[in-house]
Protein backbone atom coordinates (compact mmCIF):
# COMPACT_ATOMS: atom_id res chain seq x y z
CA UNK A 1 -0.12 2.37 21.80
CA UNK A 2 -1.12 6.28 22.21
CA UNK A 3 -0.48 8.70 19.93
CA UNK A 4 -0.64 12.76 21.10
CA UNK A 5 -0.92 15.46 18.40
CA UNK A 6 1.56 18.46 19.83
CA UNK A 7 1.23 21.24 16.42
CA UNK A 8 -0.39 21.04 13.19
CA UNK A 9 1.53 23.50 11.65
CA UNK A 10 1.55 24.73 8.03
CA UNK A 11 5.05 25.10 6.23
CA UNK A 12 4.80 27.76 2.85
CA UNK A 13 7.83 27.66 0.53
CA UNK A 14 10.73 29.91 1.97
CA UNK A 15 10.53 33.15 -0.17
CA UNK A 16 12.73 33.22 -3.36
CA UNK A 17 13.50 36.26 -5.59
CA UNK A 18 13.20 33.97 -8.94
CA UNK A 19 10.03 32.18 -7.51
CA UNK A 20 6.92 31.62 -10.47
CA UNK A 21 4.60 33.30 -7.27
CA UNK A 22 4.16 36.82 -6.32
CA UNK A 23 1.56 38.38 -4.50
CA UNK A 24 -0.88 38.62 -7.36
CA UNK A 25 -0.18 35.78 -9.44
CA UNK A 26 -0.90 31.76 -8.52
CA UNK A 27 1.39 28.61 -10.52
CA UNK A 28 -1.16 26.48 -12.57
CA UNK A 29 0.04 23.19 -14.01
CA UNK A 30 -2.36 20.61 -16.05
CA UNK A 31 -2.58 17.48 -15.54
CA UNK A 32 -1.01 15.31 -18.24
CA UNK A 33 -2.18 11.99 -20.04
CA UNK A 34 -0.03 10.40 -16.90
CA UNK A 35 -1.43 12.19 -14.26
CA UNK A 36 -5.01 11.41 -15.51
CA UNK A 37 -5.73 7.65 -14.07
CA UNK A 38 -4.46 8.85 -10.42
CA UNK A 39 -7.58 10.64 -9.71
CA UNK A 40 -9.53 7.36 -9.52
CA UNK A 41 -7.38 6.28 -6.96
CA UNK A 42 -6.65 6.94 -3.01
CA UNK A 43 -3.56 8.58 -1.90
CA UNK A 44 -0.06 6.75 -1.61
CA UNK A 45 1.10 6.26 2.32
CA UNK A 46 4.79 5.98 3.15
CA UNK A 47 6.33 5.96 6.83
CA UNK A 48 10.14 6.33 7.23
CA UNK A 49 11.56 5.15 10.37
CA UNK A 50 15.31 6.95 11.89
CA UNK A 51 16.62 5.42 15.06
CA UNK A 52 18.10 8.46 16.60
CA UNK A 53 20.46 8.38 19.37
CA UNK A 54 19.61 11.92 20.36
CA UNK A 55 15.77 11.53 20.50
CA UNK A 56 15.13 12.75 23.75
CA UNK A 57 11.66 15.38 23.90
CA UNK A 58 14.24 18.42 24.74
CA UNK A 59 16.85 17.11 22.05
CA UNK A 60 13.52 16.86 19.49
CA UNK A 61 12.14 20.44 19.93
CA UNK A 62 15.11 22.55 19.93
CA UNK A 63 17.37 20.98 17.67
CA UNK A 64 15.95 18.39 15.73
CA UNK A 65 12.76 19.89 14.54
CA UNK A 66 13.36 23.47 14.03
CA UNK A 67 15.86 22.35 11.19
CA UNK A 68 13.70 19.80 9.68
CA UNK A 69 11.00 22.78 9.65
CA UNK A 70 13.21 25.24 7.74
CA UNK A 71 14.96 22.45 5.69
CA UNK A 72 11.11 21.60 4.45
CA UNK A 73 10.63 25.10 3.52
CA UNK A 74 13.50 25.71 1.85
CA UNK A 75 12.80 22.66 -0.33
CA UNK A 76 9.52 23.80 -0.93
CA UNK A 77 11.20 26.39 -2.97
CA UNK A 78 12.12 24.00 -5.71
CA UNK A 79 8.51 21.48 -5.33
CA UNK A 80 6.65 24.19 -5.35
CA UNK A 81 2.95 22.51 -6.30
CA UNK A 82 3.51 20.05 -3.26
CA UNK A 83 1.71 22.95 -1.44
CA UNK A 84 -1.07 23.49 -3.64
CA UNK A 85 -3.92 21.73 -4.66
CA UNK A 86 -6.40 19.95 -7.63
CA UNK A 87 -8.70 22.16 -8.44
CA UNK A 88 -11.20 21.91 -12.04
CA UNK A 89 -12.15 25.10 -12.82
CA UNK A 90 -15.53 24.97 -14.76
CA UNK A 91 -13.61 26.83 -18.02
CA UNK A 92 -11.02 24.19 -18.24
CA UNK A 93 -11.14 20.94 -20.34
CA UNK A 94 -9.18 18.98 -17.10
CA UNK A 95 -8.00 19.49 -14.07
CA UNK A 96 -5.04 21.87 -12.77
CA UNK A 97 -2.76 21.76 -10.19
CA UNK A 98 -2.78 25.34 -8.48
CA UNK A 99 -0.61 26.79 -6.44
CA UNK A 100 -1.51 30.47 -4.84
CA UNK A 101 -0.01 32.42 -2.43
CA UNK A 102 0.59 31.66 0.95
CA UNK A 103 -0.61 28.09 -0.05
CA UNK A 104 1.39 25.38 2.25
CA UNK A 105 1.92 21.82 3.12
CA UNK A 106 0.35 20.40 6.27
CA UNK A 107 2.81 19.43 8.94
CA UNK A 108 1.70 17.45 12.14
CA UNK A 109 4.24 16.83 14.98
CA UNK A 110 3.14 14.04 17.53
CA UNK A 111 4.74 12.01 20.27
CA UNK A 112 3.80 7.94 20.99
CA UNK A 113 4.86 5.88 23.10
CA UNK A 114 4.52 3.20 20.67
CA UNK A 115 7.52 0.56 20.71
CA UNK A 116 10.01 2.00 17.76
CA UNK A 117 11.75 -1.48 17.50
CA UNK A 118 8.59 -3.06 17.07
CA UNK A 119 7.03 -0.64 14.33
CA UNK A 120 9.93 -0.98 11.71
CA UNK A 121 10.75 -4.31 11.84
CA UNK A 122 10.37 -6.47 9.58
CA UNK A 123 7.98 -9.68 11.18
CA UNK A 124 3.90 -9.35 11.37
CA UNK A 125 3.15 -5.21 12.60
CA UNK A 126 -0.50 -4.00 13.34
CA UNK A 127 -1.67 -1.98 10.73
CA UNK A 128 -3.43 0.25 13.23
CA UNK A 129 -0.20 1.40 14.99
CA UNK A 130 1.07 1.85 12.08
CA UNK A 131 -1.63 4.08 10.69
CA UNK A 132 -0.88 6.29 13.38
CA UNK A 133 1.80 7.85 11.78
CA UNK A 134 0.44 9.04 8.85
CA UNK A 135 -1.64 12.17 8.59
CA UNK A 136 -4.57 13.20 6.59
CA UNK A 137 -4.90 14.62 3.00
CA UNK A 138 -8.12 16.38 2.18
CA UNK A 139 -9.80 15.86 -0.83
CA UNK A 140 -13.40 16.52 -2.12
CA UNK A 141 -15.03 16.96 -5.06
CA UNK A 142 -14.32 20.07 -5.55
CA UNK A 143 -10.54 20.05 -4.23
CA UNK A 144 -7.77 17.97 -3.47
CA UNK A 145 -4.06 18.43 -1.28
CA UNK A 146 -1.28 16.99 -2.99
CA UNK A 147 0.90 16.57 -0.10
CA UNK A 148 0.90 16.10 3.59
CA UNK A 149 3.60 15.11 6.16
CA UNK A 150 3.61 13.58 10.07
CA UNK A 151 6.90 13.76 12.30
CA UNK A 152 6.28 11.32 15.13
CA UNK A 153 8.79 11.21 17.95
CA UNK A 154 9.21 7.91 19.73
CA UNK A 155 11.10 9.32 22.87
CA UNK A 156 14.46 7.78 23.29
CA UNK A 157 13.68 5.94 20.31
CA UNK A 158 13.79 7.68 17.25
CA UNK A 159 10.95 9.52 14.73
CA UNK A 160 9.08 8.62 11.81
CA UNK A 161 8.32 10.38 8.57
CA UNK A 162 4.54 9.49 7.41
CA UNK A 163 4.07 10.97 3.76
CA UNK A 164 1.00 11.06 2.00
CA UNK A 165 0.39 12.21 -1.08
CA UNK A 166 -2.27 12.78 -4.04
CA UNK A 167 -0.69 10.47 -6.79
CA UNK A 168 -2.30 12.50 -9.50
CA UNK A 169 0.22 15.13 -8.67
CA UNK A 170 3.60 12.45 -8.69
CA UNK A 171 4.57 9.31 -8.59
CA UNK A 172 7.38 7.53 -6.70
CA UNK A 173 9.96 8.82 -8.50
CA UNK A 174 9.31 12.40 -7.46
CA UNK A 175 8.00 11.75 -4.25
CA UNK A 176 11.23 9.78 -3.48
CA UNK A 177 13.22 12.71 -4.70
CA UNK A 178 11.46 14.76 -3.19
CA UNK A 179 12.93 13.54 0.33
CA UNK A 180 16.37 13.09 -0.66
CA UNK A 181 16.32 16.48 -1.08
CA UNK A 182 14.54 17.70 1.76
CA UNK A 183 17.13 15.61 3.47
CA UNK A 184 20.18 17.17 1.40
CA UNK A 185 19.34 20.44 2.71
CA UNK A 186 18.63 19.11 6.26
CA UNK A 187 22.69 18.19 6.10
CA UNK A 188 23.88 21.41 5.00
CA UNK A 189 25.06 24.28 6.67
CA UNK A 190 24.16 27.79 4.91
CA UNK A 191 23.72 25.68 1.75
CA UNK A 192 20.30 26.07 0.20
CA UNK A 193 20.72 25.03 -3.10
CA UNK A 194 19.41 21.66 -4.38
CA UNK A 195 22.19 19.36 -6.87
CA UNK A 196 21.32 18.95 -10.24
CA UNK A 197 19.95 14.99 -9.63
CA UNK A 198 17.45 16.48 -6.66
CA UNK A 199 16.37 19.36 -8.69
CA UNK A 200 12.96 18.79 -10.18
CA UNK A 201 11.80 20.00 -13.45
CA UNK A 202 7.95 20.99 -14.44
CA UNK A 203 8.81 21.59 -17.63
CA UNK A 204 5.67 19.84 -19.44
CA UNK A 205 6.27 20.77 -22.79
CA UNK A 206 7.79 17.48 -24.26
CA UNK A 207 4.08 16.06 -23.28
CA UNK A 208 2.14 17.94 -25.38
CA UNK A 209 2.09 15.75 -27.97
CA UNK A 210 -0.30 13.57 -26.08
CA UNK A 211 -3.10 16.29 -25.45
CA UNK A 212 -4.87 14.81 -27.91
CA UNK A 213 -5.29 11.45 -25.22
CA UNK A 214 -6.13 14.06 -22.90
CA UNK A 215 -9.98 13.99 -23.72
CA UNK A 216 -10.16 10.25 -24.13
CA UNK A 217 -8.50 9.53 -20.66
CA UNK A 218 -11.15 11.50 -18.91
CA UNK A 219 -13.57 9.92 -20.51
CA UNK A 220 -12.19 6.67 -19.31
CA UNK A 221 -11.84 8.30 -15.65
CA UNK A 222 -15.31 9.52 -15.47
CA UNK A 223 -16.72 6.08 -17.12
CA UNK A 224 -14.62 4.30 -14.48
CA UNK A 225 -16.14 6.43 -11.39
CA UNK A 226 -19.45 4.99 -13.21
CA UNK A 227 -23.12 6.88 -11.38
CA UNK A 228 -21.26 7.59 -8.20
CA UNK A 229 -21.66 11.59 -8.64
CA UNK A 230 -23.84 13.58 -10.64
CA UNK A 231 -21.08 15.99 -10.64
CA UNK A 232 -19.07 15.20 -13.59
CA UNK A 233 -15.68 16.84 -12.53
CA UNK A 234 -15.59 15.75 -9.20
CA UNK A 235 -12.24 15.23 -7.93
CA UNK A 236 -13.07 12.59 -5.43
CA UNK A 237 -11.28 8.97 -5.63
CA UNK A 238 -13.54 5.84 -6.13
CA UNK A 239 -14.49 3.89 -2.70
CA UNK A 240 -12.03 1.73 -1.29
CA UNK A 241 -12.01 -1.49 -0.18
CA UNK A 242 -10.76 -1.56 3.79
CA UNK A 243 -8.55 -3.69 5.26
CA UNK A 244 -10.03 -4.64 8.90
CA UNK A 245 -7.16 -2.54 10.91
CA UNK A 246 -8.10 -4.08 14.31
CA UNK A 247 -7.35 -7.78 12.68
CA UNK A 248 -4.78 -6.42 10.11
CA UNK A 249 -1.03 -7.04 10.24
CA UNK A 250 2.21 -6.07 7.73
CA UNK A 251 4.99 -8.01 7.01
CA UNK A 252 8.28 -7.78 4.97
CA UNK A 253 10.26 -10.20 3.02
CA UNK A 254 13.13 -10.32 0.98
CA UNK A 255 13.99 -11.61 -2.81
CA UNK A 256 15.93 -10.85 -5.76
CA UNK A 257 15.21 -9.45 -9.08
CA UNK A 258 11.30 -7.90 -9.97
CA UNK A 259 9.97 -10.84 -11.96
CA UNK A 260 11.08 -13.29 -9.70
CA UNK A 261 9.72 -11.51 -6.79
CA UNK A 262 6.80 -10.45 -8.08
CA UNK A 263 6.04 -14.07 -9.78
CA UNK A 264 6.31 -15.94 -6.94
CA UNK A 265 4.70 -13.52 -4.35
CA UNK A 266 1.61 -13.63 -6.40
CA UNK A 267 1.73 -17.64 -6.62
CA UNK A 268 2.11 -17.80 -2.81
CA UNK A 269 -1.19 -15.59 -2.47
CA UNK A 270 -2.96 -17.61 -5.59
CA UNK A 271 -2.40 -20.70 -3.03
CA UNK A 272 -3.15 -18.97 -0.12
CA UNK A 273 -6.47 -17.94 -1.31
CA UNK A 274 -7.34 -21.79 -2.57
CA UNK A 275 -10.99 -21.93 -3.62
CA UNK A 276 -12.22 -23.03 -7.18
CA UNK A 277 -9.08 -23.39 -9.65
CA UNK A 278 -11.11 -21.92 -12.24
CA UNK A 279 -12.14 -18.51 -10.59
CA UNK A 280 -10.77 -15.44 -12.67
CA UNK A 281 -7.70 -14.03 -11.30
CA UNK A 282 -5.64 -11.02 -12.48
CA UNK A 283 -2.44 -8.89 -11.92
CA UNK A 284 -0.73 -5.87 -13.14
CA UNK A 285 3.08 -3.66 -12.40
CA UNK A 286 3.92 -0.46 -13.95
CA UNK A 287 6.58 0.88 -15.91
CA UNK A 288 8.58 4.11 -15.71
CA UNK A 289 7.61 6.13 -19.28
CA UNK A 290 10.28 9.68 -19.22
CA UNK A 291 12.64 7.56 -20.96
CA UNK A 292 10.25 5.76 -23.17
CA UNK A 293 9.46 9.17 -24.66
CA UNK A 294 10.21 11.16 -27.73
CA UNK A 295 11.57 13.28 -26.56
CA UNK A 296 12.64 11.81 -23.51
CA UNK A 297 11.92 13.23 -20.40
CA UNK A 298 14.62 14.52 -17.71
CA UNK A 299 15.22 11.58 -14.91
CA UNK A 300 14.11 14.54 -12.53
CA UNK A 301 10.73 15.39 -14.05
CA UNK A 302 8.41 16.19 -11.77
CA UNK A 303 4.68 14.38 -12.23
CA UNK A 304 3.50 11.53 -13.25
CA UNK A 305 5.04 9.02 -16.14
CA UNK A 306 4.09 5.92 -15.46
CA UNK A 307 1.51 3.43 -17.13
CA UNK A 308 0.54 -0.28 -16.35
CA UNK A 309 0.85 -3.55 -18.21
CA UNK A 310 -1.23 -6.30 -16.75
CA UNK A 311 -2.70 -10.25 -17.24
CA UNK A 312 -6.59 -10.20 -16.78
CA UNK A 313 -8.73 -13.43 -16.92
CA UNK A 314 -6.38 -16.28 -16.08
CA UNK A 315 -7.80 -18.92 -13.76
CA UNK A 316 -5.97 -19.28 -10.31
CA UNK A 317 -4.83 -23.12 -11.59
CA UNK A 318 -2.85 -21.14 -13.60
CA UNK A 319 -0.75 -19.99 -10.94
CA UNK A 320 -1.50 -22.33 -8.50
CA UNK A 321 -0.85 -25.77 -9.74
CA UNK A 322 2.87 -27.07 -10.23
CA UNK A 323 4.22 -24.87 -12.97
CA UNK A 324 2.79 -21.88 -11.15
CA UNK A 325 5.39 -19.75 -10.59
CA UNK A 326 6.95 -20.77 -13.80
CA UNK A 327 3.78 -19.48 -15.67
CA UNK A 328 3.76 -16.68 -13.77
CA UNK A 329 7.56 -15.76 -14.69
CA UNK A 330 7.03 -15.95 -18.31
CA UNK A 331 3.98 -13.64 -17.97
CA UNK A 332 5.53 -11.13 -16.10
CA UNK A 333 8.86 -11.31 -18.59
CA UNK A 334 6.46 -10.89 -21.84
CA UNK A 335 4.65 -8.01 -20.26
CA UNK A 336 8.02 -6.31 -19.10
CA UNK A 337 9.49 -6.42 -22.46
CA UNK A 338 6.34 -5.71 -24.23
CA UNK A 339 5.71 -2.46 -21.98
CA UNK A 340 7.42 0.11 -24.01
CA UNK A 341 6.72 -1.11 -27.29
CA UNK A 342 3.12 -0.30 -27.66
CA UNK A 343 1.50 2.71 -28.56
CA UNK A 344 0.32 5.51 -25.98
CA UNK A 345 -3.53 4.80 -27.67
CA UNK A 346 -3.35 1.04 -26.93
CA UNK A 347 -1.83 1.70 -23.53
CA UNK A 348 -4.99 4.09 -22.22
CA UNK A 349 -6.99 1.19 -23.65
CA UNK A 350 -5.46 -1.01 -21.79
CA UNK A 351 -5.85 0.78 -18.66
CA UNK A 352 -9.78 0.50 -18.84
CA UNK A 353 -9.72 -3.12 -19.34
CA UNK A 354 -7.30 -3.91 -16.20
CA UNK A 355 -8.96 -1.59 -14.34
CA UNK A 356 -12.36 -2.95 -15.48
CA UNK A 357 -10.90 -6.58 -14.66
CA UNK A 358 -10.64 -5.95 -11.21
CA UNK A 359 -14.42 -6.01 -10.40
CA UNK A 360 -14.46 -9.36 -12.33
CA UNK A 361 -12.00 -11.30 -11.08
CA UNK A 362 -11.93 -12.71 -7.61
CA UNK A 363 -8.38 -11.85 -7.09
CA UNK A 364 -6.14 -9.45 -8.43
CA UNK A 365 -2.66 -8.03 -7.93
CA UNK A 366 -1.09 -4.86 -8.32
CA UNK A 367 2.27 -3.35 -7.19
CA UNK A 368 3.47 0.05 -5.30
CA UNK A 369 6.78 1.34 -5.31
CA UNK A 370 10.26 -0.11 -6.95
CA UNK A 371 13.66 -1.32 -6.53
CA UNK A 372 14.81 1.88 -8.15
CA UNK A 373 13.60 4.37 -6.06
CA UNK A 374 16.60 4.36 -3.96
CA UNK A 375 13.91 5.20 -0.44
CA UNK A 376 16.89 4.00 1.93
CA UNK A 377 18.94 6.50 0.31
CA UNK A 378 17.24 9.18 2.04
CA UNK A 379 19.51 10.40 5.40
CA UNK A 380 18.94 13.48 6.99
CA UNK A 381 22.15 13.06 9.15
CA UNK A 382 21.24 10.29 11.17
CA UNK A 383 21.69 7.63 8.82
CA UNK A 384 19.68 5.74 6.31
CA UNK A 385 15.87 4.78 7.30
CA UNK A 386 15.61 1.61 9.70
CA UNK A 387 12.84 0.26 7.77
CA UNK A 388 10.28 2.59 4.55
CA UNK A 389 6.97 0.71 4.70
CA UNK A 390 4.46 1.92 2.10
CA UNK A 391 0.99 2.09 3.90
CA UNK A 392 -1.48 2.20 0.98
CA UNK A 393 -1.44 -1.56 0.22
CA UNK A 394 -4.05 -3.96 0.41
CA UNK A 395 -5.05 -7.34 0.14
CA UNK A 396 -2.91 -8.93 -2.86
CA UNK A 397 -1.44 -5.59 -3.75
CA UNK A 398 2.28 -5.56 -2.41
CA UNK A 399 5.32 -3.17 -2.17
CA UNK A 400 8.84 -3.42 -3.58
CA UNK A 401 11.74 -1.39 -2.23
CA UNK A 402 15.35 -1.81 -2.39
CA UNK A 403 17.06 -4.35 0.34
CA UNK A 404 18.50 -1.75 2.74
CA UNK A 405 21.26 -3.88 3.91
CA UNK A 406 22.66 -5.39 0.36
CA UNK A 407 22.43 -4.75 -3.50
CA UNK A 408 20.64 -6.87 -5.86
CA UNK A 409 17.89 -7.74 -3.74
CA UNK A 410 14.23 -6.55 -2.79
CA UNK A 411 11.85 -6.10 0.06
CA UNK A 412 8.43 -7.17 -0.09
CA UNK A 413 5.29 -5.30 2.01
CA UNK A 414 2.20 -6.98 2.33
CA UNK A 415 -1.27 -6.17 4.49
CA UNK A 416 -3.44 -9.32 5.41
CA UNK A 417 -5.55 -10.22 7.84
CA UNK A 418 -3.84 -11.78 10.36
CA UNK A 419 -4.69 -15.35 9.71
CA UNK A 420 -3.90 -14.91 5.52
CA UNK A 421 -0.11 -13.43 6.24
CA UNK A 422 0.47 -16.65 8.28
CA UNK A 423 -0.72 -19.25 5.89
CA UNK A 424 0.96 -16.99 3.12
CA UNK A 425 4.36 -16.92 5.14
CA UNK A 426 3.85 -20.04 5.70
CA UNK A 427 3.89 -20.74 1.96
CA UNK A 428 6.66 -18.73 0.99
CA UNK A 429 8.87 -19.81 3.37
CA UNK A 430 8.18 -23.30 2.53
CA UNK A 431 8.86 -22.55 -0.95
CA UNK A 432 12.32 -21.00 -0.71
CA UNK A 433 13.22 -24.41 1.35
CA UNK A 434 11.95 -27.18 -1.23
């Protein structure tokens, strides 16, 4: 396949008389206890595929693209932090999101001759081609961009929207809310306001009671970065283990309910890896704390409000043998029930333990996304997305989303080398038949 970059635009938030920004000031939002852990990790990447009946070059550039740019500018008025960057002032105890006048979201416009049906399907798809549909998100020791977008035209087939977001700025719930809000404004004619359920709340006053834990979390983050940098205020993430993209494929599976789905896929992955049954393995997932805080945060809270729970230092044999699936279900069920009854102090300590155990485990699973994000509700007027893929997963990490066509199920995304994927899919399908 070939990809042609047509334009790299800077889309600024539309002017608003009520905006907190003017020519002389900036918006500064300190990161919270829930944001800080994500400074360790690389950006979250997701691709939305839309099939268009009118997707000629002429129609795209004269009608669709100008309207996408306008609606993006309008929605950024409410989602101002996305046009900013993360910085760490030497006089401040922790990093902040800073939005200055004329800050913008980078929007790449591209065109490809790739097969839209193949890349937006559910079978094994080449990761090397899917990655071309994603923009860059600049991150350095001193500054980290919050958000970037890429719109790629598949002439006479459809288009994709690639989203890359810094996880310390927002979680999956906020990211999916933004895409729905953008789609909502795209569909409107002369209506430039958002409904309440798509209007983000930037108020962080309810989390101020946790500020005593911020210093503890910053120390944890610094220690987990190790000695990779002498800059103790570095915003660069830890090095990421890369999948060989020339031999990597992405596939999507269908199952129902979080615990059952995760337990089943995890046991398939452990069996596929094989090896010594005594080797250490573990897995984690995250829970949304918006409604669990006192007082609870609004459902539209902008930022991160998620923390992990996990199973560490188990043996591969616990999941690979005949009762492995049942064991995984029991462990996950207990973790889900107990996640929200724990104190924040113990959750912070658990994060450090879980992160440390990744380096000691021969196999470590994690989950990106959720069946509750409603990613298939992002309708720009072209119908729901044909497919939504999380591209920031690799190895034993999986992604989850609600099923596109029917309620009550879950789509599972996996990214592995093709030989490994073939083994996992064989175990997956044989297990369902049995």
